[in-house]
Each structure stands twice: as C-alpha cells, then as structure tokens.
C-alpha atoms as a PDB file:
ATOM      1  CA  MET A   1     103.482  92.858 -53.575  1.00  0.00           C
ATOM      2  CA  LYS A   2     101.427  92.598 -50.414  1.00  0.00           C
ATOM      3  CA  ASN A   3     101.839  89.423 -48.396  1.00  0.00           C
ATOM      4  CA  THR A   4      98.777  87.739 -46.941  1.00  0.00           C
ATOM      5  CA  THR A   5      98.521  86.803 -43.253  1.00  0.00           C
ATOM      6  CA  THR A   6      99.234  83.189 -44.187  1.00  0.00           C
ATOM      7  CA  ASP A   7     102.318  84.271 -46.170  1.00  0.00           C
ATOM      8  CA  ILE A   8     103.666  86.168 -43.156  1.00  0.00           C
ATOM      9  CA  GLN A   9     103.024  83.204 -40.865  1.00  0.00           C
ATOM     10  CA  ASN A  10     104.858  80.851 -43.212  1.00  0.00           C
ATOM     11  CA  ILE A  11     107.751  83.284 -43.575  1.00  0.00           C
ATOM     12  CA  ASN A  12     108.054  83.686 -39.807  1.00  0.00           C
ATOM     13  CA  ASP A  13     107.793  79.926 -39.301  1.00  0.00           C
ATOM     14  CA  SER A  14     110.664  79.271 -41.698  1.00  0.00           C
ATOM     15  CA  PHE A  15     112.732  82.114 -40.250  1.00  0.00           C
ATOM     16  CA  PHE A  16     112.158  80.974 -36.649  1.00  0.00           C
ATOM     17  CA  HIS A  17     113.333  77.439 -37.431  1.00  0.00           C
ATOM     18  CA  LYS A  18     116.349  78.658 -39.377  1.00  0.00           C
ATOM     19  CA  ILE A  19     117.465  80.663 -36.344  1.00  0.00           C
ATOM     20  CA  PHE A  20     116.646  78.351 -33.454  1.00  0.00           C
ATOM     21  CA  ASP A  21     117.356  74.953 -34.969  1.00  0.00           C
ATOM     22  CA  SER A  22     120.922  75.981 -34.145  1.00  0.00           C
ATOM     23  CA  PRO A  23     121.918  74.860 -30.598  1.00  0.00           C
ATOM     24  CA  GLU A  24     124.281  77.836 -30.348  1.00  0.00           C
ATOM     25  CA  ASN A  25     121.520  80.359 -31.048  1.00  0.00           C
ATOM     26  CA  ALA A  26     119.004  78.611 -28.795  1.00  0.00           C
ATOM     27  CA  ARG A  27     121.546  78.473 -25.954  1.00  0.00           C
ATOM     28  CA  ASP A  28     122.520  82.142 -26.318  1.00  0.00           C
ATOM     29  CA  LEU A  29     118.864  83.178 -26.204  1.00  0.00           C
ATOM     30  CA  LEU A  30     118.134  81.015 -23.151  1.00  0.00           C
ATOM     31  CA  GLN A  31     121.140  82.478 -21.345  1.00  0.00           C
ATOM     32  CA  GLN A  32     119.543  85.903 -21.757  1.00  0.00           C
ATOM     33  CA  ILE A  33     115.866  85.234 -21.076  1.00  0.00           C
ATOM     34  CA  LEU A  34     115.678  82.468 -18.452  1.00  0.00           C
ATOM     35  CA  PRO A  35     115.239  83.611 -14.840  1.00  0.00           C
ATOM     36  CA  THR A  36     118.517  83.330 -12.935  1.00  0.00           C
ATOM     37  CA  GLY A  37     116.973  81.104 -10.283  1.00  0.00           C
ATOM     38  CA  LEU A  38     115.937  78.599 -12.957  1.00  0.00           C
ATOM     39  CA  LYS A  39     118.969  78.908 -15.219  1.00  0.00           C
ATOM     40  CA  LYS A  40     121.429  77.832 -12.519  1.00  0.00           C
ATOM     41  CA  HIS A  41     119.700  74.444 -12.310  1.00  0.00           C
ATOM     42  CA  LEU A  42     119.873  73.687 -16.038  1.00  0.00           C
ATOM     43  CA  GLU A  43     122.751  72.243 -18.038  1.00  0.00           C
ATOM     44  CA  LEU A  44     122.875  74.569 -21.044  1.00  0.00           C
ATOM     45  CA  ALA A  45     126.382  73.781 -22.239  1.00  0.00           C
ATOM     46  CA  ASN A  46     125.346  70.656 -24.160  1.00  0.00           C
ATOM     47  CA  ILE A  47     121.793  71.115 -25.323  1.00  0.00           C
ATOM     48  CA  LYS A  48     120.153  69.352 -28.268  1.00  0.00           C
ATOM     49  CA  ILE A  49     117.374  70.567 -30.550  1.00  0.00           C
ATOM     50  CA  GLU A  50     114.603  68.050 -31.186  1.00  0.00           C
ATOM     51  CA  ASP A  51     112.471  67.965 -34.309  1.00  0.00           C
ATOM     52  CA  THR A  52     108.780  68.331 -33.420  1.00  0.00           C
ATOM     53  CA  LYS A  53     107.381  67.116 -36.741  1.00  0.00           C
ATOM     54  CA  TYR A  54     106.312  63.881 -35.069  1.00  0.00           C
ATOM     55  CA  VAL A  55     103.846  65.856 -32.945  1.00  0.00           C
ATOM     56  CA  SER A  56     100.363  65.908 -34.445  1.00  0.00           C
ATOM     57  CA  ASN A  57      99.710  68.932 -36.680  1.00  0.00           C
ATOM     58  CA  GLU A  58      96.430  69.335 -34.837  1.00  0.00           C
ATOM     59  CA  TYR A  59      98.489  70.290 -31.779  1.00  0.00           C
ATOM     60  CA  LYS A  60     100.527  72.898 -33.639  1.00  0.00           C
ATOM     61  CA  LYS A  61      98.070  74.587 -35.965  1.00  0.00           C
ATOM     62  CA  GLY A  62      98.991  78.252 -36.341  1.00  0.00           C
ATOM     63  CA  PHE A  63     102.145  77.995 -34.209  1.00  0.00           C
ATOM     64  CA  SER A  64     105.812  77.165 -34.667  1.00  0.00           C
ATOM     65  CA  ASP A  65     107.714  75.237 -32.052  1.00  0.00           C
ATOM     66  CA  ILE A  66     111.046  73.682 -31.202  1.00  0.00           C
ATOM     67  CA  VAL A  67     112.186  71.641 -28.213  1.00  0.00           C
ATOM     68  CA  VAL A  68     115.499  72.163 -26.445  1.00  0.00           C
ATOM     69  CA  LYS A  69     116.661  69.002 -24.670  1.00  0.00           C
ATOM     70  CA  THR A  70     118.709  69.378 -21.506  1.00  0.00           C
ATOM     71  CA  VAL A  71     118.990  67.991 -17.955  1.00  0.00           C
ATOM     72  CA  LEU A  72     118.913  69.230 -14.382  1.00  0.00           C
ATOM     73  CA  LYS A  73     122.496  69.623 -13.174  1.00  0.00           C
ATOM     74  CA  THR A  74     121.773  70.175  -9.485  1.00  0.00           C
ATOM     75  CA  THR A  75     120.469  66.686  -8.730  1.00  0.00           C
ATOM     76  CA  LYS A  76     122.307  63.382  -8.181  1.00  0.00           C
ATOM     77  CA  GLU A  77     120.783  61.845 -11.275  1.00  0.00           C
ATOM     78  CA  GLN A  78     120.393  63.631 -14.590  1.00  0.00           C
ATOM     79  CA  ILE A  79     116.689  64.343 -14.854  1.00  0.00           C
ATOM     80  CA  PRO A  80     115.637  65.133 -18.444  1.00  0.00           C
ATOM     81  CA  VAL A  81     114.160  68.557 -19.145  1.00  0.00           C
ATOM     82  CA  ASP A  82     112.328  69.783 -22.237  1.00  0.00           C
ATOM     83  CA  ILE A  83     112.357  73.526 -22.813  1.00  0.00           C
ATOM     84  CA  TYR A  84     109.387  73.914 -25.112  1.00  0.00           C
ATOM     85  CA  PHE A  85     109.712  76.997 -27.350  1.00  0.00           C
ATOM     86  CA  LEU A  86     106.510  78.237 -28.947  1.00  0.00           C
ATOM     87  CA  LEU A  87     106.445  81.088 -31.464  1.00  0.00           C
ATOM     88  CA  GLU A  88     103.222  83.077 -31.533  1.00  0.00           C
ATOM     89  CA  HIS A  89     102.615  83.908 -35.192  1.00  0.00           C
ATOM     90  CA  LYS A  90      99.755  86.351 -34.888  1.00  0.00           C
ATOM     91  CA  SER A  91     100.165  90.095 -34.555  1.00  0.00           C
ATOM     92  CA  GLU A  92      98.242  89.869 -31.271  1.00  0.00           C
ATOM     93  CA  GLY A  93      98.594  87.255 -28.536  1.00  0.00           C
ATOM     94  CA  ARG A  94      95.923  84.530 -28.406  1.00  0.00           C
ATOM     95  CA  VAL A  95      94.714  82.660 -25.357  1.00  0.00           C
ATOM     96  CA  GLU A  96      94.958  79.482 -27.490  1.00  0.00           C
ATOM     97  CA  VAL A  97      98.668  79.511 -26.735  1.00  0.00           C
ATOM     98  CA  LEU A  98      97.812  78.201 -23.251  1.00  0.00           C
ATOM     99  CA  LEU A  99      96.025  75.197 -24.705  1.00  0.00           C
ATOM    100  CA  GLN A 100      98.802  74.574 -27.240  1.00  0.00           C
ATOM    101  CA  VAL A 101     101.428  74.342 -24.503  1.00  0.00           C
ATOM    102  CA  LEU A 102      99.204  72.045 -22.443  1.00  0.00           C
ATOM    103  CA  LYS A 103      98.616  69.771 -25.444  1.00  0.00           C
ATOM    104  CA  TYR A 104     102.353  69.402 -25.950  1.00  0.00           C
ATOM    105  CA  MET A 105     102.865  68.547 -22.281  1.00  0.00           C
ATOM    106  CA  VAL A 106     100.120  65.905 -22.292  1.00  0.00           C
ATOM    107  CA  PHE A 107     101.391  64.453 -25.579  1.00  0.00           C
ATOM    108  CA  GLU A 108     104.927  64.015 -24.212  1.00  0.00           C
ATOM    109  CA  TRP A 109     103.882  62.758 -20.783  1.00  0.00           C
ATOM    110  CA  GLU A 110     101.626  60.173 -22.373  1.00  0.00           C
ATOM    111  CA  LYS A 111     104.627  58.856 -24.332  1.00  0.00           C
ATOM    112  CA  ASP A 112     106.661  58.667 -21.127  1.00  0.00           C
ATOM    113  CA  TYR A 113     103.970  56.718 -19.287  1.00  0.00           C
ATOM    114  CA  ASN A 114     103.527  54.338 -22.227  1.00  0.00           C
ATOM    115  CA  ASN A 115     107.278  53.649 -22.146  1.00  0.00           C
ATOM    116  CA  ASN A 116     107.266  53.119 -18.366  1.00  0.00           C
ATOM    117  CA  LYS A 117     109.334  56.252 -17.810  1.00  0.00           C
ATOM    118  CA  SER A 118     108.954  58.987 -15.252  1.00  0.00           C
ATOM    119  CA  PRO A 119     107.320  62.040 -16.825  1.00  0.00           C
ATOM    120  CA  ARG A 120     109.907  64.520 -18.051  1.00  0.00           C
ATOM    121  CA  LEU A 121     110.128  68.086 -16.778  1.00  0.00           C
ATOM    122  CA  ILE A 122     108.738  70.558 -19.331  1.00  0.00           C
ATOM    123  CA  ILE A 123     109.442  74.289 -19.136  1.00  0.00           C
ATOM    124  CA  PRO A 124     107.350  76.310 -21.602  1.00  0.00           C
ATOM    125  CA  VAL A 125     108.759  79.458 -23.235  1.00  0.00           C
ATOM    126  CA  VAL A 126     106.574  81.649 -25.461  1.00  0.00           C
ATOM    127  CA  PHE A 127     108.349  83.844 -28.004  1.00  0.00           C
ATOM    128  CA  TYR A 128     106.072  86.690 -29.090  1.00  0.00           C
ATOM    129  CA  HIS A 129     106.873  89.331 -31.699  1.00  0.00           C
ATOM    130  CA  GLY A 130     103.450  90.681 -32.642  1.00  0.00           C
ATOM    131  CA  ALA A 131     102.382  94.291 -32.960  1.00  0.00           C
ATOM    132  CA  GLU A 132      99.864  94.421 -30.107  1.00  0.00           C
ATOM    133  CA  GLU A 133     100.399  94.313 -26.361  1.00  0.00           C
ATOM    134  CA  TRP A 134     100.596  90.779 -24.931  1.00  0.00           C
ATOM    135  CA  LYS A 135      97.475  90.250 -22.829  1.00  0.00           C
ATOM    136  CA  VAL A 136      97.359  86.468 -22.495  1.00  0.00           C
ATOM    137  CA  PRO A 137      97.342  85.279 -18.843  1.00  0.00           C
ATOM    138  CA  ARG A 138     100.792  84.201 -17.668  1.00  0.00           C
ATOM    139  CA  SER A 139      99.464  80.991 -16.123  1.00  0.00           C
ATOM    140  CA  PHE A 140      96.843  78.477 -17.223  1.00  0.00           C
ATOM    141  CA  ALA A 141      94.558  78.900 -14.199  1.00  0.00           C
ATOM    142  CA  GLU A 142      94.683  82.690 -14.433  1.00  0.00           C
ATOM    143  CA  GLN A 143      92.281  82.616 -17.394  1.00  0.00           C
ATOM    144  CA  PHE A 144      89.460  81.497 -15.099  1.00  0.00           C
ATOM    145  CA  ASP A 145      87.682  84.340 -13.319  1.00  0.00           C
ATOM    146  CA  VAL A 146      87.114  82.584 -10.006  1.00  0.00           C
ATOM    147  CA  ASN A 147      88.260  83.184  -6.450  1.00  0.00           C
ATOM    148  CA  ASP A 148      91.449  81.654  -5.057  1.00  0.00           C
ATOM    149  CA  GLU A 149      89.584  79.031  -3.033  1.00  0.00           C
ATOM    150  CA  VAL A 150      88.259  77.556  -6.278  1.00  0.00           C
ATOM    151  CA  LYS A 151      91.378  78.248  -8.334  1.00  0.00           C
ATOM    152  CA  ARG A 152      93.592  76.154  -6.052  1.00  0.00           C
ATOM    153  CA  TYR A 153      91.859  73.026  -7.381  1.00  0.00           C
ATOM    154  CA  LEU A 154      92.329  73.888 -11.044  1.00  0.00           C
ATOM    155  CA  LEU A 155      95.061  72.624 -13.332  1.00  0.00           C
ATOM    156  CA  ASP A 156      97.818  75.221 -13.574  1.00  0.00           C
ATOM    157  CA  TYR A 157     101.241  75.924 -15.050  1.00  0.00           C
ATOM    158  CA  HIS A 158     103.273  79.063 -15.747  1.00  0.00           C
ATOM    159  CA  TYR A 159     105.233  79.902 -18.876  1.00  0.00           C
ATOM    160  CA  ILE A 160     108.200  82.172 -19.531  1.00  0.00           C
ATOM    161  CA  LEU A 161     107.404  84.995 -21.957  1.00  0.00           C
ATOM    162  CA  PHE A 162     109.870  86.719 -24.241  1.00  0.00           C
ATOM    163  CA  ASP A 163     108.035  89.651 -25.815  1.00  0.00           C
ATOM    164  CA  THR A 164     109.986  91.670 -28.386  1.00  0.00           C
ATOM    165  CA  ASN A 165     107.779  94.752 -27.831  1.00  0.00           C
ATOM    166  CA  PRO A 166     109.368  95.956 -24.573  1.00  0.00           C
ATOM    167  CA  TRP A 167     112.762  94.501 -25.528  1.00  0.00           C
ATOM    168  CA  ASP A 168     115.136  97.410 -26.208  1.00  0.00           C
ATOM    169  CA  PHE A 169     117.845  96.140 -28.539  1.00  0.00           C
ATOM    170  CA  ARG A 170     119.658  99.477 -28.211  1.00  0.00           C
ATOM    171  CA  SER A 171     120.183  99.009 -24.449  1.00  0.00           C
ATOM    172  CA  GLU A 172     123.632  98.354 -23.021  1.00  0.00           C
ATOM    173  CA  THR A 173     122.167  95.297 -21.300  1.00  0.00           C
ATOM    174  CA  ASN A 174     122.173  93.553 -24.700  1.00  0.00           C
ATOM    175  CA  LYS A 175     125.946  93.457 -25.061  1.00  0.00           C
ATOM    176  CA  GLU A 176     125.927  89.673 -24.741  1.00  0.00           C
ATOM    177  CA  PHE A 177     123.314  89.359 -27.485  1.00  0.00           C
ATOM    178  CA  LYS A 178     125.560  91.319 -29.853  1.00  0.00           C
ATOM    179  CA  HIS A 179     128.370  88.773 -29.538  1.00  0.00           C
ATOM    180  CA  ASN A 180     126.175  86.493 -31.639  1.00  0.00           C
ATOM    181  CA  ALA A 181     125.592  88.822 -34.603  1.00  0.00           C
ATOM    182  CA  PHE A 182     123.387  86.290 -36.404  1.00  0.00           C
ATOM    183  CA  LEU A 183     121.039  85.889 -33.409  1.00  0.00           C
ATOM    184  CA  PHE A 184     121.003  89.611 -32.602  1.00  0.00           C
ATOM    185  CA  THR A 185     120.085  90.471 -36.195  1.00  0.00           C
ATOM    186  CA  ALA A 186     117.289  87.894 -36.201  1.00  0.00           C
ATOM    187  CA  MET A 187     115.847  89.198 -32.919  1.00  0.00           C
ATOM    188  CA  VAL A 188     115.780  92.796 -34.135  1.00  0.00           C
ATOM    189  CA  LEU A 189     114.210  91.857 -37.471  1.00  0.00           C
ATOM    190  CA  MET A 190     111.523  89.800 -35.743  1.00  0.00           C
ATOM    191  CA  LYS A 191     110.819  92.741 -33.443  1.00  0.00           C
ATOM    192  CA  ALA A 192     110.431  94.972 -36.511  1.00  0.00           C
ATOM    193  CA  ALA A 193     108.428  92.483 -38.592  1.00  0.00           C
ATOM    194  CA  TYR A 194     104.927  93.669 -37.689  1.00  0.00           C
ATOM    195  CA  LYS A 195     105.845  97.282 -37.016  1.00  0.00           C
ATOM    196  CA  LYS A 196     107.312  98.218 -40.417  1.00  0.00           C
ATOM    197  CA  ASP A 197     110.224  99.755 -38.504  1.00  0.00           C
ATOM    198  CA  LEU A 198     112.654 101.010 -41.147  1.00  0.00           C
ATOM    199  CA  GLU A 199     114.799 102.769 -38.554  1.00  0.00           C
ATOM    200  CA  ALA A 200     115.521  99.393 -36.943  1.00  0.00           C
ATOM    201  CA  ILE A 201     116.516  98.067 -40.376  1.00  0.00           C
ATOM    202  CA  LEU A 202     118.919 100.971 -40.833  1.00  0.00           C
ATOM    203  CA  GLU A 203     120.469 100.281 -37.434  1.00  0.00           C
ATOM    204  CA  ILE A 204     120.936  96.616 -38.280  1.00  0.00           C
ATOM    205  CA  PHE A 205     122.706  97.548 -41.527  1.00  0.00           C
ATOM    206  CA  ARG A 206     125.017  99.862 -39.558  1.00  0.00           C
ATOM    207  CA  PHE A 207     125.619  97.053 -37.058  1.00  0.00           C
ATOM    208  CA  TRP A 208     126.576  94.734 -39.940  1.00  0.00           C
ATOM    209  CA  ARG A 209     129.049  97.287 -41.273  1.00  0.00           C
ATOM    210  CA  GLU A 210     130.662  97.779 -37.843  1.00  0.00           C
ATOM    211  CA  ARG A 211     131.018  94.023 -37.289  1.00  0.00           C
ATOM    212  CA  GLY A 212     132.172  93.165 -40.810  1.00  0.00           C
ATOM    213  CA  PHE A 213     129.074  90.993 -41.068  1.00  0.00           C
ATOM    214  CA  THR A 214     128.517  91.725 -44.765  1.00  0.00           C
ATOM    215  CA  GLU A 215     131.463  89.560 -45.778  1.00  0.00           C
ATOM    216  CA  ASN A 216     129.184  86.500 -45.633  1.00  0.00           C
ATOM    217  CA  LYS A 217     126.906  87.234 -48.593  1.00  0.00           C
ATOM    218  CA  ASP A 218     124.753  84.118 -48.133  1.00  0.00           C
ATOM    219  CA  ILE A 219     123.772  85.153 -44.608  1.00  0.00           C
ATOM    220  CA  VAL A 220     123.165  88.748 -45.682  1.00  0.00           C
ATOM    221  CA  LEU A 221     120.908  87.548 -48.516  1.00  0.00           C
ATOM    222  CA  PHE A 222     118.988  85.342 -46.081  1.00  0.00           C
ATOM    223  CA  PHE A 223     118.233  88.338 -43.860  1.00  0.00           C
ATOM    224  CA  MET A 224     117.576  90.638 -46.824  1.00  0.00           C
ATOM    225  CA  LYS A 225     114.880  88.292 -48.085  1.00  0.00           C
ATOM    226  CA  TYR A 226     113.204  88.312 -44.668  1.00  0.00           C
ATOM    227  CA  ILE A 227     113.339  92.115 -44.600  1.00  0.00           C
ATOM    228  CA  SER A 228     111.842  92.299 -48.110  1.00  0.00           C
ATOM    229  CA  TYR A 229     108.961  89.992 -47.212  1.00  0.00           C
ATOM    230  CA  THR A 230     108.059  91.440 -43.804  1.00  0.00           C
ATOM    231  CA  GLN A 231     108.653  95.127 -44.510  1.00  0.00           C
ATOM    232  CA  ASP A 232     107.163  95.266 -48.025  1.00  0.00           C
ATOM    233  CA  ILE A 233     110.184  97.254 -49.214  1.00  0.00           C
ATOM    234  CA  ASP A 234     110.616  97.345 -52.963  1.00  0.00           C
ATOM    235  CA  ARG A 235     113.977  96.592 -54.561  1.00  0.00           C
ATOM    236  CA  ASP A 236     114.895 100.231 -55.262  1.00  0.00           C
ATOM    237  CA  HIS A 237     114.095 101.329 -51.705  1.00  0.00           C
ATOM    238  CA  LEU A 238     116.168  98.479 -50.303  1.00  0.00           C
ATOM    239  CA  LYS A 239     119.075  99.513 -52.528  1.00  0.00           C
ATOM    240  CA  ASP A 240     118.756 103.107 -51.235  1.00  0.00           C
ATOM    241  CA  ILE A 241     118.936 101.877 -47.631  1.00  0.00           C
ATOM    242  CA  LEU A 242     122.051  99.864 -48.419  1.00  0.00           C
ATOM    243  CA  ASP A 243     123.639 102.927 -49.997  1.00  0.00           C
ATOM    244  CA  LYS A 244     122.722 105.120 -47.004  1.00  0.00           C
ATOM    245  CA  THR A 245     124.398 102.790 -44.569  1.00  0.00           C
ATOM    246  CA  LYS A 246     127.420 102.322 -46.868  1.00  0.00           C
ATOM    247  CA  ILE A 247     126.987  98.546 -47.044  1.00  0.00           C
ATOM    248  CA  GLU A 248     129.605  97.278 -49.464  1.00  0.00           C
ATOM    249  CA  GLY A 249     128.577  94.855 -52.167  1.00  0.00           C
ATOM    250  CA  GLY A 250     125.135  96.330 -52.763  1.00  0.00           C
ATOM    251  CA  ASP A 251     125.753  95.950 -56.483  1.00  0.00           C
ATOM    252  CA  ILE A 252     126.212  92.209 -55.865  1.00  0.00           C
ATOM    253  CA  ILE A 253     123.503  91.713 -53.238  1.00  0.00           C
ATOM    254  CA  MET A 254     120.602  93.287 -55.129  1.00  0.00           C
ATOM    255  CA  PRO A 255     120.893  91.347 -58.421  1.00  0.00           C
ATOM    256  CA  THR A 256     121.431  88.113 -56.473  1.00  0.00           C
ATOM    257  CA  LEU A 257     118.366  88.836 -54.358  1.00  0.00           C
ATOM    258  CA  ALA A 258     116.338  89.524 -57.485  1.00  0.00           C
ATOM    259  CA  GLN A 259     117.558  86.252 -59.023  1.00  0.00           C
ATOM    260  CA  GLN A 260     116.422  84.303 -55.946  1.00  0.00           C
ATOM    261  CA  PHE A 261     112.985  85.917 -56.081  1.00  0.00           C
ATOM    262  CA  ARG A 262     112.753  85.078 -59.779  1.00  0.00           C
ATOM    263  CA  GLU A 263     113.549  81.417 -59.131  1.00  0.00           C
ATOM    264  CA  GLU A 264     110.937  81.304 -56.358  1.00  0.00           C
ATOM    265  CA  PHE A 265     108.294  82.697 -58.727  1.00  0.00           C
ATOM    266  CA  ARG A 266     109.145  80.078 -61.321  1.00  0.00           C
ATOM    267  CA  GLU A 267     108.902  77.237 -58.802  1.00  0.00           C
ATOM    268  CA  GLU A 268     105.644  78.545 -57.363  1.00  0.00           C
ATOM    269  CA  PHE A 269     103.838  78.489 -60.709  1.00  0.00           C
ATOM    270  CA  ARG A 270     105.588  75.576 -62.456  1.00  0.00           C
ATOM    271  CA  GLU A 271     103.340  72.699 -61.313  1.00  0.00           C
ATOM    272  CA  GLU A 272     100.167  74.673 -61.837  1.00  0.00           C
ATOM    273  CA  PHE A 273     101.262  75.500 -65.381  1.00  0.00           C
ATOM    274  CA  ILE A 274     102.066  71.936 -66.361  1.00  0.00           C
ATOM    275  CA  GLU A 275      98.459  71.059 -65.516  1.00  0.00           C
ATOM    276  CA  THR A 276      96.934  73.961 -67.443  1.00  0.00           C
ATOM    277  CA  LEU A 277      99.002  73.292 -70.577  1.00  0.00           C
ATOM    278  CA  GLY A 278      97.475  69.855 -71.040  1.00  0.00           C
ATOM    279  CA  PRO A 279      98.677  66.240 -70.972  1.00  0.00           C
ATOM    280  CA  GLU A 280     100.591  66.489 -74.266  1.00  0.00           C
ATOM    281  CA  LEU A 281     103.129  68.748 -72.535  1.00  0.00           C
ATOM    282  CA  LYS A 282     103.966  65.919 -70.110  1.00  0.00           C
ATOM    283  CA  LYS A 283     104.851  63.408 -72.841  1.00  0.00           C
ATOM    284  CA  GLU A 284     108.559  62.746 -73.350  1.00  0.00           C
ATOM    285  CA  GLY A 285     110.192  63.918 -76.565  1.00  0.00           C
ATOM    286  CA  ILE A 286     107.865  66.827 -77.425  1.00  0.00           C
ATOM    287  CA  LYS A 287     110.549  69.467 -77.113  1.00  0.00           C
ATOM    288  CA  GLU A 288     108.551  72.165 -78.831  1.00  0.00           C
ATOM    289  CA  GLY A 289     105.737  71.706 -76.351  1.00  0.00           C
ATOM    290  CA  ILE A 290     108.118  72.034 -73.434  1.00  0.00           C
ATOM    291  CA  LYS A 291     109.735  75.114 -74.988  1.00  0.00           C
ATOM    292  CA  GLU A 292     106.332  76.716 -75.493  1.00  0.00           C
ATOM    293  CA  GLY A 293     105.333  75.734 -71.979  1.00  0.00           C
ATOM    294  CA  LYS A 294     108.261  77.659 -70.537  1.00  0.00           C
ATOM    295  CA  LYS A 295     107.217  80.718 -72.509  1.00  0.00           C
ATOM    296  CA  GLU A 296     103.643  80.417 -71.315  1.00  0.00           C
ATOM    297  CA  GLU A 297     104.919  80.014 -67.764  1.00  0.00           C
ATOM    298  CA  LYS A 298     106.750  83.338 -68.042  1.00  0.00           C
ATOM    299  CA  PHE A 299     103.612  85.060 -69.309  1.00  0.00           C
ATOM    300  CA  GLU A 300     101.590  83.714 -66.378  1.00  0.00           C
ATOM    301  CA  ILE A 301     104.195  84.860 -63.884  1.00  0.00           C
ATOM    302  CA  ALA A 302     104.214  88.302 -65.538  1.00  0.00           C
ATOM    303  CA  ARG A 303     100.431  88.460 -65.475  1.00  0.00           C
ATOM    304  CA  ARG A 304     100.305  87.682 -61.757  1.00  0.00           C
ATOM    305  CA  MET A 305     103.048  90.154 -60.962  1.00  0.00           C
ATOM    306  CA  LEU A 306     101.218  92.909 -62.830  1.00  0.00           C
ATOM    307  CA  LEU A 307      98.021  92.112 -60.955  1.00  0.00           C
ATOM    308  CA  ASN A 308     100.000  92.530 -57.728  1.00  0.00           C
ATOM    309  CA  ASN A 309     101.284  95.969 -58.739  1.00  0.00           C
ATOM    310  CA  PHE A 310     104.884  95.068 -59.592  1.00  0.00           C
ATOM    311  CA  SER A 311     106.583  97.633 -61.803  1.00  0.00           C
ATOM    312  CA  LEU A 312     107.371  96.907 -65.456  1.00  0.00           C
ATOM    313  CA  ASP A 313     111.100  96.775 -64.659  1.00  0.00           C
ATOM    314  CA  GLN A 314     110.509  94.271 -61.847  1.00  0.00           C
ATOM    315  CA  VAL A 315     108.483  92.043 -64.176  1.00  0.00           C
ATOM    316  CA  ILE A 316     111.191  92.155 -66.838  1.00  0.00           C
ATOM    317  CA  LEU A 317     113.857  91.301 -64.268  1.00  0.00           C
ATOM    318  CA  SER A 318     111.856  88.388 -62.849  1.00  0.00           C
ATOM    319  CA  THR A 319     110.670  86.785 -66.098  1.00  0.00           C
ATOM    320  CA  GLY A 320     113.226  87.672 -68.769  1.00  0.00           C
ATOM    321  CA  LEU A 321     110.406  88.794 -71.070  1.00  0.00           C
ATOM    322  CA  THR A 322     110.880  91.872 -73.229  1.00  0.00           C
ATOM    323  CA  LYS A 323     109.092  95.134 -72.596  1.00  0.00           C
ATOM    324  CA  LYS A 324     107.123  94.622 -75.813  1.00  0.00           C
ATOM    325  CA  GLU A 325     105.971  91.156 -74.750  1.00  0.00           C
ATOM    326  CA  ILE A 326     104.825  92.407 -71.352  1.00  0.00           C
ATOM    327  CA  LYS A 327     102.983  95.369 -72.869  1.00  0.00           C
ATOM    328  CA  THR A 328     100.885  92.902 -74.885  1.00  0.00           C
ATOM    329  CA  LEU A 329      99.613  91.560 -71.554  1.00  0.00           C
ATOM    330  CA  ILE A 330      98.763  95.062 -70.321  1.00  0.00           C
ATOM    331  CA  ASN A 331      96.903  95.876 -73.508  1.00  0.00           C
END
C-alpha cells in the first residue's frame, strides 16, 4: 500500500519523538554533531527533554520538535540553555524552517520577559533527512539578497544543521554512534527513508546480528514497522531480507508484525464503521447487532485493502475472512 505524504510525515513525527524523547539518545547525538567549540561550554551530562505540546500548533505546522534543557557550565552562574531540535519532514528543505525557529525563540523569550526572567539562550539544531540537497540559508539574514552594509542591520541567527545525506554511516568516524545501537539504527533508517535504500536496510540487519540486537523483539518490531512504512516493502520481501541476513526469529517477527498491522487497520476503521452501521448498533444489549457490525467492519477493511492493491493472502491475514468471503467482494 502506498503511503501519502501526510502518512510519511506522521510516521516520521512519531519515530522522531520515540527516538529523541530519550535523554540518552539526544545526548549521544549532540555529542556527535555539536561543534567542539560550543560543546565544551554545555553541560550535557544531565540534560532534560521538554514536551513542546504547550507551544501553539500554528508555530509547529508541518514540523516536529523537541527541546533539550541544559545549562552553560563555563560561567559562575548556571545560565539556562535550550537546544531546540527541529525535524524537517519534507523530502526537500524549506525556507520556512527559518521562520519556525524564530517563532519558537520569540515564543519562549516572551514567556521569560512576562515572568521577569532574563531571556534564555536558545541554540537551534535542524535535523534533515530528505531526499534532495539542503539549500536553505544557514542563517536568517542570509535569505535576504542585500549587501553587507544593509544586512548588518537585519535580524540574524545561525542554526546547526545535521543532514543525513552527506552523513556516511559506514565511516570509521561513526564508531561512537554504534555504541548506541538503538540510535545508530534510527539514524540509518531515517537516512534511508526517502531514498528507498534497501542496501542500507540489509546493512542494518547485519549490524543487528553482529551486536545481538535481535534478542529484544519489541525493539526489532518497532524498527521493522518503520522500515515497512517508509520503504514500501511487502511482507514477503521483508521476510526474504531477514532470511538473507540470517536474522534469527524471522518466523516469530513476521507473524507478530502482521498482527500489529491488523490491529491498526481495525482501530483505524472502527469509529467510522460504528457511524455507518446506524444508531441501533450503539444501543446496549443488542449483541447480534454488534456481532454483525464486527463482520461488516472486516468486509470494509478488506475492501479498502483490495483497493490499495494488497494481495489476497495479505487481506486474509489482516481480516480473518475466508478466501470465499473476500472473493465475493472482488466479484
């Protein structure tokens, strides 16, 4: 089934938060990507991740973000620092990212002023894993095509860019990344997300085998779902890749993955179906109506799967309907 652009954005949003809501993962990434001259001034040993849901959705439309809370360690007093992480969802960089970062800064500084506090230090970091070359100016003022005499009077800030395109995960310089197998896997899969890079997937599976990573089936399933969504790999192809890389437990992983997909389909269509089946289905005590509703739900899921070019076997696995029942829909 093909995912829409919105689907991919939602998938990447969820994946990004799952990875970097962990202080350990955020710290390990910052240790690798922050400039040395800046990193030595920051206290990264005891960072905190702040929820950004309180920030207006208008400020975050089309982006994902997290905030890493830390302090300056090279001053007499501990000056608070926000490292503002922004994930660019699109397959190509957008100049709107400059405005998004600025909006966050203004939003936070306004809160500080209203609370009679000194404005916090904010260091913006943009995490980009799109398919196209990053062409967004690296500073806010750089977007204006004016001479330096004029530009010196314009508002300006710089951001730190981590672009997965030039990042070579095979390089020896990434030894430190590999110590955190969860983070390293996530980085490689995000790099491959828009490129449909099956060779990178194969290398990750080999990496898992070498590190004994496959022992944690829940984590493997989490990554397998992301691979399935972003690479558009069907179940049989995914099983072949597992077999090629000699990943143990493929016979456990694949049925469990299919079960999770089936449950997601059921949840996705459940509310819509209750509405279409009429108010009598909602009344308590009408067991037959509920039973019939579940059957109708399965037929609707099957119908949608067929429209999205799922195979007959995939539909049977996801719905529990018989081949004969599904063929009635086709005919």
